[in-house]
């Protein structure tokens, strides 16, 4: 089992920044990728960004490219999501996820079913 704990959410005005953190514990040696998803009220959970643990390769959904950056700290088993130029449409609960699957086609990590473990979520609210 892998436990994931997110932190760093909050409220910010449009144009502001937040940094989310996700600390993994437990059987972290099984981890091949970690990602962030988000879910707004009344909407399905959507992919935001992923980082592959072996080579730090990253992939983003189009709506956050150039504004968000995912990174990792191997020693701390922690993944981060730096969110800049935030927009009201970024408002959602953000979830961290961990996958035991290695996939050379990183874009295939966009599917939630690829991930085995999920955090409890952290709220991000962006006001206009």
Foldseek 3Di string as FASTA:
>chain_A
DKAKAKDWADEEAAQAKIKMKIFIDDPCVLFQKKFKWWDDPPGDIFGAKMAGPPPRDMDGDPVQPPFWDWGDDVVRNMIMIIGGRDDQVVWTWMKMFTASDDDPPVVVVRDPVRTDDMYPTDTHGYHD
